[in-house]
């Protein structure tokens, strides 16, 4: 005896469609996350480079300020040496 063909359960078809839609959404969201993660990594690298450059420039500024202060003191000493006696 042969069994009649089984009809597809409408609930099962709906579940398969939902699963397929969710898989597509999950794949899209994973790709977006990967893209954003790469973008964040690039920004972090740029920030590190800028902070390194800023630190270097601050060191240069501090060194030049100190040098300028030293030259100002030397200028006062030389001016006092060259000033006519009172």
PDB file of N, CA and C in Angstrom:
ATOM      1  N   UNK A   1       0.828  -1.172   0.000  1.00  0.00           N
ATOM      2  CA  UNK A   1       0.000   0.000   0.000  1.00  0.00           C
ATOM      3  C   UNK A   1       0.881   1.247   0.000  1.00  0.00           C
ATOM      4  N   UNK A   2       0.591   2.155  -0.857  1.00  0.00           N
ATOM      5  CA  UNK A   2       1.356   3.375  -1.005  1.00  0.00           C
ATOM      6  C   UNK A   2       0.698   4.506  -0.226  1.00  0.00           C
ATOM      7  N   UNK A   3       1.543   5.259   0.434  1.00  0.00           N
ATOM      8  CA  UNK A   3       1.017   6.389   1.203  1.00  0.00           C
ATOM      9  C   UNK A   3       0.856   7.590   0.281  1.00  0.00           C
ATOM     10  N   UNK A   4      -0.165   8.399   0.527  1.00  0.00           N
ATOM     11  CA  UNK A   4      -0.333   9.606  -0.291  1.00  0.00           C
ATOM     12  C   UNK A   4       0.775  10.609   0.024  1.00  0.00           C
ATOM     13  N   UNK A   5       1.137  11.444  -0.947  1.00  0.00           N
ATOM     14  CA  UNK A   5       2.193  12.422  -0.682  1.00  0.00           C
ATOM     15  C   UNK A   5       1.815  13.333   0.486  1.00  0.00           C
ATOM     16  N   UNK A   6       2.805  13.619   1.263  1.00  0.00           N
ATOM     17  CA  UNK A   6       2.578  14.438   2.449  1.00  0.00           C
ATOM     18  C   UNK A   6       2.527  15.907   2.054  1.00  0.00           C
ATOM     19  N   UNK A   7       1.568  16.606   2.575  1.00  0.00           N
ATOM     20  CA  UNK A   7       1.456  18.040   2.314  1.00  0.00           C
ATOM     21  C   UNK A   7       2.424  18.784   3.213  1.00  0.00           C
ATOM     22  N   UNK A   8       2.964  19.851   2.656  1.00  0.00           N
ATOM     23  CA  UNK A   8       3.881  20.658   3.452  1.00  0.00           C
ATOM     24  C   UNK A   8       3.091  21.415   4.514  1.00  0.00           C
ATOM     25  N   UNK A   9       3.610  21.379   5.697  1.00  0.00           N
ATOM     26  CA  UNK A   9       2.994  22.074   6.816  1.00  0.00           C
ATOM     27  C   UNK A   9       3.242  23.573   6.642  1.00  0.00           C
ATOM     28  N   UNK A  10       2.177  24.398   6.618  1.00  0.00           N
ATOM     29  CA  UNK A  10       2.386  25.836   6.432  1.00  0.00           C
ATOM     30  C   UNK A  10       3.235  26.453   7.541  1.00  0.00           C
ATOM     31  N   UNK A  11       3.127  25.951   8.743  1.00  0.00           N
ATOM     32  CA  UNK A  11       3.944  26.477   9.836  1.00  0.00           C
ATOM     33  C   UNK A  11       5.418  26.159   9.605  1.00  0.00           C
ATOM     34  N   UNK A  12       5.709  24.971   9.108  1.00  0.00           N
ATOM     35  CA  UNK A  12       7.095  24.583   8.834  1.00  0.00           C
ATOM     36  C   UNK A  12       7.671  25.437   7.716  1.00  0.00           C
ATOM     37  N   UNK A  13       6.883  25.717   6.684  1.00  0.00           N
ATOM     38  CA  UNK A  13       7.367  26.587   5.603  1.00  0.00           C
ATOM     39  C   UNK A  13       7.652  27.987   6.116  1.00  0.00           C
ATOM     40  N   UNK A  14       6.772  28.487   6.975  1.00  0.00           N
ATOM     41  CA  UNK A  14       6.973  29.826   7.549  1.00  0.00           C
ATOM     42  C   UNK A  14       8.241  29.850   8.385  1.00  0.00           C
ATOM     43  N   UNK A  15       8.470  28.803   9.173  1.00  0.00           N
ATOM     44  CA  UNK A  15       9.688  28.730   9.986  1.00  0.00           C
ATOM     45  C   UNK A  15      10.938  28.697   9.113  1.00  0.00           C
ATOM     46  N   UNK A  16      10.891  27.939   8.010  1.00  0.00           N
ATOM     47  CA  UNK A  16      12.042  27.891   7.098  1.00  0.00           C
ATOM     48  C   UNK A  16      12.319  29.266   6.504  1.00  0.00           C
ATOM     49  N   UNK A  17      11.266  29.999   6.148  1.00  0.00           N
ATOM     50  CA  UNK A  17      11.445  31.346   5.600  1.00  0.00           C
ATOM     51  C   UNK A  17      12.027  32.279   6.653  1.00  0.00           C
ATOM     52  N   UNK A  18      11.510  32.169   7.878  1.00  0.00           N
ATOM     53  CA  UNK A  18      12.029  33.000   8.968  1.00  0.00           C
ATOM     54  C   UNK A  18      13.503  32.703   9.231  1.00  0.00           C
ATOM     55  N   UNK A  19      13.847  31.416   9.239  1.00  0.00           N
ATOM     56  CA  UNK A  19      15.244  31.029   9.458  1.00  0.00           C
ATOM     57  C   UNK A  19      16.130  31.592   8.357  1.00  0.00           C
ATOM     58  N   UNK A  20      15.692  31.490   7.133  1.00  0.00           N
ATOM     59  CA  UNK A  20      16.467  32.006   6.008  1.00  0.00           C
ATOM     60  C   UNK A  20      16.649  33.524   6.121  1.00  0.00           C
ATOM     61  N   UNK A  21      15.575  34.221   6.472  1.00  0.00           N
ATOM     62  CA  UNK A  21      15.656  35.678   6.630  1.00  0.00           C
ATOM     63  C   UNK A  21      16.603  36.048   7.762  1.00  0.00           C
ATOM     64  N   UNK A  22      16.513  35.320   8.871  1.00  0.00           N
ATOM     65  CA  UNK A  22      17.392  35.599  10.009  1.00  0.00           C
ATOM     66  C   UNK A  22      18.850  35.298   9.684  1.00  0.00           C
ATOM     67  N   UNK A  23      19.112  34.256   8.915  1.00  0.00           N
ATOM     68  CA  UNK A  23      20.482  33.942   8.516  1.00  0.00           C
ATOM     69  C   UNK A  23      21.043  35.056   7.642  1.00  0.00           C
ATOM     70  N   UNK A  24      20.221  35.569   6.739  1.00  0.00           N
ATOM     71  CA  UNK A  24      20.667  36.674   5.883  1.00  0.00           C
ATOM     72  C   UNK A  24      20.953  37.918   6.710  1.00  0.00           C
ATOM     73  N   UNK A  25      20.068  38.205   7.661  1.00  0.00           N
ATOM     74  CA  UNK A  25      20.265  39.364   8.539  1.00  0.00           C
ATOM     75  C   UNK A  25      21.533  39.196   9.365  1.00  0.00           C
ATOM     76  N   UNK A  26      21.738  38.009   9.901  1.00  0.00           N
ATOM     77  CA  UNK A  26      22.928  37.738  10.704  1.00  0.00           C
ATOM     78  C   UNK A  26      24.194  37.926   9.879  1.00  0.00           C
ATOM     79  N   UNK A  27      24.201  37.453   8.655  1.00  0.00           N
ATOM     80  CA  UNK A  27      25.371  37.596   7.789  1.00  0.00           C
ATOM     81  C   UNK A  27      25.648  39.078   7.504  1.00  0.00           C
ATOM     82  N   UNK A  28      24.582  39.842   7.241  1.00  0.00           N
ATOM     83  CA  UNK A  28      24.745  41.268   6.957  1.00  0.00           C
ATOM     84  C   UNK A  28      25.279  42.013   8.185  1.00  0.00           C
ATOM     85  N   UNK A  29      24.738  41.687   9.358  1.00  0.00           N
ATOM     86  CA  UNK A  29      25.165  42.351  10.587  1.00  0.00           C
ATOM     87  C   UNK A  29      26.619  42.001  10.915  1.00  0.00           C
ATOM     88  N   UNK A  30      27.001  40.757  10.678  1.00  0.00           N
ATOM     89  CA  UNK A  30      28.406  40.359  10.908  1.00  0.00           C
ATOM     90  C   UNK A  30      29.352  41.125   9.989  1.00  0.00           C
ATOM     91  N   UNK A  31      28.939  41.315   8.739  1.00  0.00           N
ATOM     92  CA  UNK A  31      29.776  42.073   7.802  1.00  0.00           C
ATOM     93  C   UNK A  31      29.884  43.528   8.244  1.00  0.00           C
ATOM     94  N   UNK A  32      28.775  44.104   8.710  1.00  0.00           N
ATOM     95  CA  UNK A  32      28.809  45.482   9.202  1.00  0.00           C
ATOM     96  C   UNK A  32      29.717  45.599  10.419  1.00  0.00           C
ATOM     97  N   UNK A  33      29.621  44.639  11.323  1.00  0.00           N
ATOM     98  CA  UNK A  33      30.472  44.646  12.515  1.00  0.00           C
ATOM     99  C   UNK A  33      31.941  44.552  12.126  1.00  0.00           C
ATOM    100  N   UNK A  34      32.254  43.697  11.178  1.00  0.00           N
ATOM    101  CA  UNK A  34      33.636  43.549  10.717  1.00  0.00           C
ATOM    102  C   UNK A  34      34.136  44.852  10.110  1.00  0.00           C
ATOM    103  N   UNK A  35      33.315  45.495   9.299  1.00  0.00           N
ATOM    104  CA  UNK A  35      33.690  46.765   8.684  1.00  0.00           C
ATOM    105  C   UNK A  35      33.944  47.832   9.749  1.00  0.00           C
ATOM    106  N   UNK A  36      33.038  47.909  10.711  1.00  0.00           N
ATOM    107  CA  UNK A  36      33.185  48.915  11.769  1.00  0.00           C
ATOM    108  C   UNK A  36      34.381  48.617  12.666  1.00  0.00           C
ATOM    109  N   UNK A  37      34.640  47.347  12.916  1.00  0.00           N
ATOM    110  CA  UNK A  37      35.808  46.976  13.721  1.00  0.00           C
ATOM    111  C   UNK A  37      37.102  47.385  13.016  1.00  0.00           C
ATOM    112  N   UNK A  38      37.160  47.171  11.713  1.00  0.00           N
ATOM    113  CA  UNK A  38      38.337  47.593  10.948  1.00  0.00           C
ATOM    114  C   UNK A  38      38.491  49.104  10.976  1.00  0.00           C
ATOM    115  N   UNK A  39      37.390  49.829  10.876  1.00  0.00           N
ATOM    116  CA  UNK A  39      37.420  51.285  10.912  1.00  0.00           C
ATOM    117  C   UNK A  39      37.923  51.770  12.270  1.00  0.00           C
ATOM    118  N   UNK A  40      37.434  51.151  13.342  1.00  0.00           N
ATOM    119  CA  UNK A  40      37.861  51.521  14.695  1.00  0.00           C
ATOM    120  C   UNK A  40      39.357  51.253  14.865  1.00  0.00           C
ATOM    121  N   UNK A  41      39.825  50.126  14.375  1.00  0.00           N
ATOM    122  CA  UNK A  41      41.255  49.801  14.484  1.00  0.00           C
ATOM    123  C   UNK A  41      42.089  50.849  13.752  1.00  0.00           C
ATOM    124  N   UNK A  42      41.631  51.286  12.596  1.00  0.00           N
ATOM    125  CA  UNK A  42      42.343  52.330  11.861  1.00  0.00           C
ATOM    126  C   UNK A  42      42.363  53.639  12.623  1.00  0.00           C
ATOM    127  N   UNK A  43      41.230  54.001  13.228  1.00  0.00           N
ATOM    128  CA  UNK A  43      41.174  55.234  14.013  1.00  0.00           C
ATOM    129  C   UNK A  43      42.082  55.159  15.238  1.00  0.00           C
ATOM    130  N   UNK A  44      42.119  54.006  15.878  1.00  0.00           N
ATOM    131  CA  UNK A  44      43.002  53.845  17.037  1.00  0.00           C
ATOM    132  C   UNK A  44      44.456  54.024  16.631  1.00  0.00           C
ATOM    133  N   UNK A  45      44.824  53.508  15.472  1.00  0.00           N
ATOM    134  CA  UNK A  45      46.195  53.667  14.991  1.00  0.00           C
ATOM    135  C   UNK A  45      46.504  55.151  14.739  1.00  0.00           C
ATOM    136  N   UNK A  46      45.570  55.861  14.122  1.00  0.00           N
ATOM    137  CA  UNK A  46      45.774  57.289  13.847  1.00  0.00           C
ATOM    138  C   UNK A  46      45.904  58.073  15.149  1.00  0.00           C
ATOM    139  N   UNK A  47      45.079  57.727  16.138  1.00  0.00           N
ATOM    140  CA  UNK A  47      45.143  58.420  17.429  1.00  0.00           C
ATOM    141  C   UNK A  47      46.493  58.166  18.101  1.00  0.00           C
ATOM    142  N   UNK A  48      46.971  56.929  18.059  1.00  0.00           N
ATOM    143  CA  UNK A  48      48.285  56.624  18.653  1.00  0.00           C
ATOM    144  C   UNK A  48      49.393  57.421  17.975  1.00  0.00           C
ATOM    145  N   UNK A  49      49.344  57.486  16.628  1.00  0.00           N
ATOM    146  CA  UNK A  49      50.360  58.243  15.895  1.00  0.00           C
ATOM    147  C   UNK A  49      50.307  59.720  16.258  1.00  0.00           C
ATOM    148  N   UNK A  50      49.107  60.266  16.358  1.00  0.00           N
ATOM    149  CA  UNK A  50      48.968  61.683  16.710  1.00  0.00           C
ATOM    150  C   UNK A  50      49.456  61.948  18.121  1.00  0.00           C
ATOM    151  N   UNK A  51      49.124  61.047  19.049  1.00  0.00           N
ATOM    152  CA  UNK A  51      49.577  61.233  20.432  1.00  0.00           C
ATOM    153  C   UNK A  51      51.104  61.180  20.506  1.00  0.00           C
ATOM    154  N   UNK A  52      51.706  60.287  19.744  1.00  0.00           N
ATOM    155  CA  UNK A  52      53.170  60.212  19.700  1.00  0.00           C
ATOM    156  C   UNK A  52      53.743  61.515  19.166  1.00  0.00           C
ATOM    157  N   UNK A  53      53.158  62.048  18.099  1.00  0.00           N
ATOM    158  CA  UNK A  53      53.623  63.307  17.508  1.00  0.00           C
ATOM    159  C   UNK A  53      53.431  64.460  18.483  1.00  0.00           C
ATOM    160  N   UNK A  54      52.286  64.490  19.166  1.00  0.00           N
ATOM    161  CA  UNK A  54      52.026  65.545  20.148  1.00  0.00           C
ATOM    162  C   UNK A  54      53.045  65.480  21.278  1.00  0.00           C
ATOM    163  N   UNK A  55      53.339  64.279  21.779  1.00  0.00           N
ATOM    164  CA  UNK A  55      54.338  64.132  22.841  1.00  0.00           C
ATOM    165  C   UNK A  55      55.701  64.629  22.373  1.00  0.00           C
ATOM    166  N   UNK A  56      56.057  64.291  21.145  1.00  0.00           N
ATOM    167  CA  UNK A  56      57.335  64.734  20.596  1.00  0.00           C
ATOM    168  C   UNK A  56      57.390  66.254  20.495  1.00  0.00           C
ATOM    169  N   UNK A  57      56.311  66.844  20.026  1.00  0.00           N
ATOM    170  CA  UNK A  57      56.271  68.306  19.897  1.00  0.00           C
ATOM    171  C   UNK A  57      56.293  68.989  21.263  1.00  0.00           C
ATOM    172  N   UNK A  58      55.627  68.403  22.253  1.00  0.00           N
ATOM    173  CA  UNK A  58      55.669  68.969  23.611  1.00  0.00           C
ATOM    174  C   UNK A  58      57.083  68.930  24.174  1.00  0.00           C
ATOM    175  N   UNK A  59      57.784  67.830  23.942  1.00  0.00           N
ATOM    176  CA  UNK A  59      59.180  67.740  24.393  1.00  0.00           C
ATOM    177  C   UNK A  59      60.019  68.819  23.729  1.00  0.00           C
ATOM    178  N   UNK A  60      59.811  69.035  22.436  1.00  0.00           N
ATOM    179  CA  UNK A  60      60.549  70.075  21.714  1.00  0.00           C
ATOM    180  C   UNK A  60      60.225  71.448  22.282  1.00  0.00           C
ATOM    181  N   UNK A  61      58.961  71.713  22.546  1.00  0.00           N
ATOM    182  CA  UNK A  61      58.552  73.005  23.107  1.00  0.00           C
ATOM    183  C   UNK A  61      59.194  73.212  24.473  1.00  0.00           C
ATOM    184  N   UNK A  62      59.150  72.185  25.323  1.00  0.00           N
ATOM    185  CA  UNK A  62      59.756  72.298  26.654  1.00  0.00           C
ATOM    186  C   UNK A  62      61.253  72.554  26.554  1.00  0.00           C
ATOM    187  N   UNK A  63      61.920  71.836  25.654  1.00  0.00           N
ATOM    188  CA  UNK A  63      63.362  72.024  25.474  1.00  0.00           C
ATOM    189  C   UNK A  63      63.677  73.436  24.988  1.00  0.00           C
ATOM    190  N   UNK A  64      62.897  73.928  24.042  1.00  0.00           N
ATOM    191  CA  UNK A  64      63.135  75.274  23.517  1.00  0.00           C
ATOM    192  C   UNK A  64      62.824  76.350  24.551  1.00  0.00           C
ATOM    193  N   UNK A  65      61.808  76.131  25.371  1.00  0.00           N
ATOM    194  CA  UNK A  65      61.506  77.093  26.449  1.00  0.00           C
ATOM    195  C   UNK A  65      62.670  77.170  27.433  1.00  0.00           C
ATOM    196  N   UNK A  66      63.187  75.991  27.784  1.00  0.00           N
ATOM    197  CA  UNK A  66      64.323  75.950  28.708  1.00  0.00           C
ATOM    198  C   UNK A  66      65.541  76.643  28.092  1.00  0.00           C
ATOM    199  N   UNK A  67      65.769  76.357  26.813  1.00  0.00           N
ATOM    200  CA  UNK A  67      66.894  76.999  26.117  1.00  0.00           C
ATOM    201  C   UNK A  67      66.696  78.516  26.054  1.00  0.00           C
ATOM    202  N   UNK A  68      65.483  78.957  25.793  1.00  0.00           N
ATOM    203  CA  UNK A  68      65.179  80.381  25.723  1.00  0.00           C
ATOM    204  C   UNK A  68      65.398  81.039  27.088  1.00  0.00           C
ATOM    205  N   UNK A  69      64.990  80.356  28.146  1.00  0.00           N
ATOM    206  CA  UNK A  69      65.188  80.883  29.491  1.00  0.00           C
ATOM    207  C   UNK A  69      66.683  81.001  29.805  1.00  0.00           C
ATOM    208  N   UNK A  70      67.444  79.994  29.421  1.00  0.00           N
ATOM    209  CA  UNK A  70      68.891  80.019  29.645  1.00  0.00           C
ATOM    210  C   UNK A  70      69.537  81.167  28.875  1.00  0.00           C
ATOM    211  N   UNK A  71      69.120  81.350  27.632  1.00  0.00           N
ATOM    212  CA  UNK A  71      69.662  82.453  26.831  1.00  0.00           C
ATOM    213  C   UNK A  71      69.284  83.808  27.424  1.00  0.00           C
ATOM    214  N   UNK A  72      68.106  83.908  27.997  1.00  0.00           N
ATOM    215  CA  UNK A  72      67.695  85.156  28.659  1.00  0.00           C
ATOM    216  C   UNK A  72      68.585  85.452  29.848  1.00  0.00           C
ATOM    217  N   UNK A  73      68.919  84.424  30.628  1.00  0.00           N
ATOM    218  CA  UNK A  73      69.821  84.622  31.767  1.00  0.00           C
ATOM    219  C   UNK A  73      71.210  85.036  31.293  1.00  0.00           C
ATOM    220  N   UNK A  74      71.701  84.381  30.238  1.00  0.00           N
ATOM    221  CA  UNK A  74      73.007  84.747  29.688  1.00  0.00           C
ATOM    222  C   UNK A  74      72.992  86.184  29.180  1.00  0.00           C
ATOM    223  N   UNK A  75      71.884  86.590  28.595  1.00  0.00           N
ATOM    224  CA  UNK A  75      71.764  87.952  28.099  1.00  0.00           C
ATOM    225  C   UNK A  75      71.855  88.955  29.236  1.00  0.00           C
ATOM    226  N   UNK A  76      71.194  88.663  30.353  1.00  0.00           N
ATOM    227  CA  UNK A  76      71.267  89.568  31.506  1.00  0.00           C
ATOM    228  C   UNK A  76      72.687  89.661  32.043  1.00  0.00           C
ATOM    229  N   UNK A  77      73.375  88.549  32.106  1.00  0.00           N
ATOM    230  CA  UNK A  77      74.755  88.545  32.610  1.00  0.00           C
ATOM    231  C   UNK A  77      75.655  89.360  31.686  1.00  0.00           C
ATOM    232  N   UNK A  78      75.539  89.136  30.371  1.00  0.00           N
ATOM    233  CA  UNK A  78      76.380  89.871  29.424  1.00  0.00           C
ATOM    234  C   UNK A  78      76.032  91.353  29.399  1.00  0.00           C
ATOM    235  N   UNK A  79      74.773  91.667  29.535  1.00  0.00           N
ATOM    236  CA  UNK A  79      74.363  93.083  29.577  1.00  0.00           C
ATOM    237  C   UNK A  79      74.942  93.744  30.810  1.00  0.00           C
ATOM    238  N   UNK A  80      74.914  93.056  31.928  1.00  0.00           N
ATOM    239  CA  UNK A  80      75.476  93.615  33.161  1.00  0.00           C
ATOM    240  C   UNK A  80      76.977  93.792  33.042  1.00  0.00           C
ATOM    241  N   UNK A  81      77.639  92.883  32.334  1.00  0.00           N
ATOM    242  CA  UNK A  81      79.096  92.978  32.163  1.00  0.00           C
ATOM    243  C   UNK A  81      79.465  94.170  31.275  1.00  0.00           C
ATOM    244  N   UNK A  82      78.638  94.452  30.288  1.00  0.00           N
ATOM    245  CA  UNK A  82      78.939  95.525  29.351  1.00  0.00           C
ATOM    246  C   UNK A  82      78.410  96.885  29.789  1.00  0.00           C
ATOM    247  N   UNK A  83      77.589  96.898  30.807  1.00  0.00           N
ATOM    248  CA  UNK A  83      77.029  98.169  31.273  1.00  0.00           C
ATOM    249  C   UNK A  83      78.124  99.041  31.864  1.00  0.00           C
ATOM    250  N   UNK A  84      78.025 100.365  31.648  1.00  0.00           N
ATOM    251  CA  UNK A  84      79.055 101.245  32.237  1.00  0.00           C
ATOM    252  C   UNK A  84      78.936 101.239  33.768  1.00  0.00           C
ATOM    253  N   UNK A  85      80.036 101.382  34.397  1.00  0.00           N
ATOM    254  CA  UNK A  85      80.004 101.395  35.872  1.00  0.00           C
ATOM    255  C   UNK A  85      79.211 102.592  36.378  1.00  0.00           C
ATOM    256  N   UNK A  86      78.605 102.431  37.486  1.00  0.00           N
ATOM    257  CA  UNK A  86      77.816 103.535  38.087  1.00  0.00           C
ATOM    258  C   UNK A  86      78.608 104.306  39.071  1.00  0.00           C
TER     259      UNK A  86
END
